[in-house]
Amino acid sequence: APDKLTLRFKTARPHPLLPNDLVAIRIVPKRIAEAAKTDDFNSGKAMIGTGPYKFKEYVAGDRVVLEGAFHLNNERRRRALRGSGS
């Protein structure tokens, strides 16, 4: 990879749905993944918030409520977004 924030994927043959498949990957902290079962993730019980939104509420079959959790007030995250990493 050209830098520590870039991933490169090499497939055995053309895979036109790869971008779609990649958005289905959920990255969660190890402590949460180890404490939860598959059903916990599927039901929303183990849901967490990432990126610019934070999980607030889940009502099965009805709604997921997210709230803004922008990280621009966090210096470490600002540096990561700028690409300096430290």
C-alpha atoms as a PDB file:
ATOM      1  CA  ALA A   1       0.000   0.000   0.000  1.00  0.00           C
ATOM      2  CA  PRO A   2       1.267   3.505  -0.688  1.00  0.00           C
ATOM      3  CA  ASP A   3       0.590   4.625   2.895  1.00  0.00           C
ATOM      4  CA  LYS A   4      -0.797   3.367   6.218  1.00  0.00           C
ATOM      5  CA  LEU A   5      -4.319   4.600   5.463  1.00  0.00           C
ATOM      6  CA  THR A   6      -4.685   2.842   2.095  1.00  0.00           C
ATOM      7  CA  LEU A   7      -5.809  -0.728   1.432  1.00  0.00           C
ATOM      8  CA  ARG A   8      -5.279  -2.480  -1.883  1.00  0.00           C
ATOM      9  CA  PHE A   9      -7.384  -5.450  -2.908  1.00  0.00           C
ATOM     10  CA  LYS A  10      -6.234  -7.971  -5.495  1.00  0.00           C
ATOM     11  CA  THR A  11      -8.886 -10.318  -6.822  1.00  0.00           C
ATOM     12  CA  ALA A  12      -8.345 -13.500  -8.834  1.00  0.00           C
ATOM     13  CA  ARG A  13     -10.716 -12.217 -11.526  1.00  0.00           C
ATOM     14  CA  PRO A  14     -12.891  -9.142 -12.142  1.00  0.00           C
ATOM     15  CA  HIS A  15     -15.326  -8.560  -9.302  1.00  0.00           C
ATOM     16  CA  PRO A  16     -17.648  -5.694 -10.304  1.00  0.00           C
ATOM     17  CA  LEU A  17     -19.650  -5.938  -7.069  1.00  0.00           C
ATOM     18  CA  LEU A  18     -16.592  -5.522  -4.825  1.00  0.00           C
ATOM     19  CA  PRO A  19     -17.441  -1.901  -3.873  1.00  0.00           C
ATOM     20  CA  ASN A  20     -20.917  -3.026  -2.846  1.00  0.00           C
ATOM     21  CA  ASP A  21     -19.499  -5.963  -0.868  1.00  0.00           C
ATOM     22  CA  LEU A  22     -17.011  -3.714   0.927  1.00  0.00           C
ATOM     23  CA  VAL A  23     -19.659  -1.346   2.265  1.00  0.00           C
ATOM     24  CA  ALA A  24     -21.240  -4.307   4.070  1.00  0.00           C
ATOM     25  CA  ILE A  25     -18.125  -4.817   6.227  1.00  0.00           C
ATOM     26  CA  ARG A  26     -18.630  -3.646   9.790  1.00  0.00           C
ATOM     27  CA  ILE A  27     -15.494  -2.813  11.732  1.00  0.00           C
ATOM     28  CA  VAL A  28     -16.012  -2.915  15.486  1.00  0.00           C
ATOM     29  CA  PRO A  29     -13.667  -2.774  18.469  1.00  0.00           C
ATOM     30  CA  LYS A  30     -12.276  -6.165  19.496  1.00  0.00           C
ATOM     31  CA  ARG A  31     -13.770  -5.884  23.002  1.00  0.00           C
ATOM     32  CA  ILE A  32     -17.268  -5.541  21.523  1.00  0.00           C
ATOM     33  CA  ALA A  33     -16.815  -8.255  18.901  1.00  0.00           C
ATOM     34  CA  GLU A  34     -15.606 -10.752  21.494  1.00  0.00           C
ATOM     35  CA  ALA A  35     -18.458 -10.003  23.895  1.00  0.00           C
ATOM     36  CA  ALA A  36     -21.274 -10.212  21.328  1.00  0.00           C
ATOM     37  CA  LYS A  37     -22.891 -13.034  19.388  1.00  0.00           C
ATOM     38  CA  THR A  38     -23.983 -12.885  15.738  1.00  0.00           C
ATOM     39  CA  ASP A  39     -27.608 -12.404  16.836  1.00  0.00           C
ATOM     40  CA  ASP A  40     -26.548  -9.371  18.905  1.00  0.00           C
ATOM     41  CA  PHE A  41     -25.220  -7.688  15.763  1.00  0.00           C
ATOM     42  CA  ASN A  42     -28.195  -8.727  13.623  1.00  0.00           C
ATOM     43  CA  SER A  43     -30.727  -7.460  16.180  1.00  0.00           C
ATOM     44  CA  GLY A  44     -28.942  -4.170  16.833  1.00  0.00           C
ATOM     45  CA  LYS A  45     -28.135  -5.038  20.452  1.00  0.00           C
ATOM     46  CA  ALA A  46     -24.386  -4.770  19.759  1.00  0.00           C
ATOM     47  CA  MET A  47     -24.731  -1.712  17.506  1.00  0.00           C
ATOM     48  CA  ILE A  48     -22.207   1.061  17.967  1.00  0.00           C
ATOM     49  CA  GLY A  49     -21.790   4.384  16.243  1.00  0.00           C
ATOM     50  CA  THR A  50     -18.825   5.222  14.025  1.00  0.00           C
ATOM     51  CA  GLY A  51     -17.814   7.971  11.689  1.00  0.00           C
ATOM     52  CA  PRO A  52     -19.724  11.225  11.851  1.00  0.00           C
ATOM     53  CA  TYR A  53     -22.670   9.612  13.662  1.00  0.00           C
ATOM     54  CA  LYS A  54     -23.131   7.921  17.022  1.00  0.00           C
ATOM     55  CA  PHE A  55     -25.732   5.276  17.815  1.00  0.00           C
ATOM     56  CA  LYS A  56     -28.500   6.589  20.053  1.00  0.00           C
ATOM     57  CA  GLU A  57     -31.496   4.236  19.833  1.00  0.00           C
ATOM     58  CA  TYR A  58     -32.663   1.069  18.081  1.00  0.00           C
ATOM     59  CA  VAL A  59     -36.277  -0.107  17.989  1.00  0.00           C
ATOM     60  CA  ALA A  60     -36.547  -3.468  16.193  1.00  0.00           C
ATOM     61  CA  GLY A  61     -38.674  -3.278  13.062  1.00  0.00           C
ATOM     62  CA  ASP A  62     -39.179   0.465  13.497  1.00  0.00           C
ATOM     63  CA  ARG A  63     -36.134   2.722  13.567  1.00  0.00           C
ATOM     64  CA  VAL A  64     -32.484   3.410  14.199  1.00  0.00           C
ATOM     65  CA  VAL A  65     -31.713   6.817  15.678  1.00  0.00           C
ATOM     66  CA  LEU A  66     -28.269   8.340  15.169  1.00  0.00           C
ATOM     67  CA  GLU A  67     -26.890  11.625  16.433  1.00  0.00           C
ATOM     68  CA  GLY A  68     -24.078  13.756  15.106  1.00  0.00           C
ATOM     69  CA  ALA A  69     -20.702  12.889  16.608  1.00  0.00           C
ATOM     70  CA  PHE A  70     -18.297  14.869  14.480  1.00  0.00           C
ATOM     71  CA  HIS A  71     -14.692  14.457  15.495  1.00  0.00           C
ATOM     72  CA  LEU A  72     -13.302  17.798  14.424  1.00  0.00           C
ATOM     73  CA  ASN A  73     -12.963  18.858  18.056  1.00  0.00           C
ATOM     74  CA  ASN A  74     -10.558  15.957  18.678  1.00  0.00           C
ATOM     75  CA  GLU A  75      -6.981  16.885  17.727  1.00  0.00           C
ATOM     76  CA  ARG A  76      -5.837  13.281  17.167  1.00  0.00           C
ATOM     77  CA  ARG A  77      -8.715  12.644  14.772  1.00  0.00           C
ATOM     78  CA  ARG A  78      -8.117  15.945  12.965  1.00  0.00           C
ATOM     79  CA  ARG A  79      -4.491  14.906  12.389  1.00  0.00           C
ATOM     80  CA  ALA A  80      -5.621  11.508  11.083  1.00  0.00           C
ATOM     81  CA  LEU A  81      -8.021  13.192   8.659  1.00  0.00           C
ATOM     82  CA  ARG A  82      -5.206  15.459   7.456  1.00  0.00           C
ATOM     83  CA  GLY A  83      -3.014  12.378   6.992  1.00  0.00           C
ATOM     84  CA  SER A  84      -0.252  13.274   9.447  1.00  0.00           C
ATOM     85  CA  GLY A  85      -1.261  10.509  11.864  1.00  0.00           C
ATOM     86  CA  SER A  86       0.602  11.960  14.837  1.00  0.00           C
END
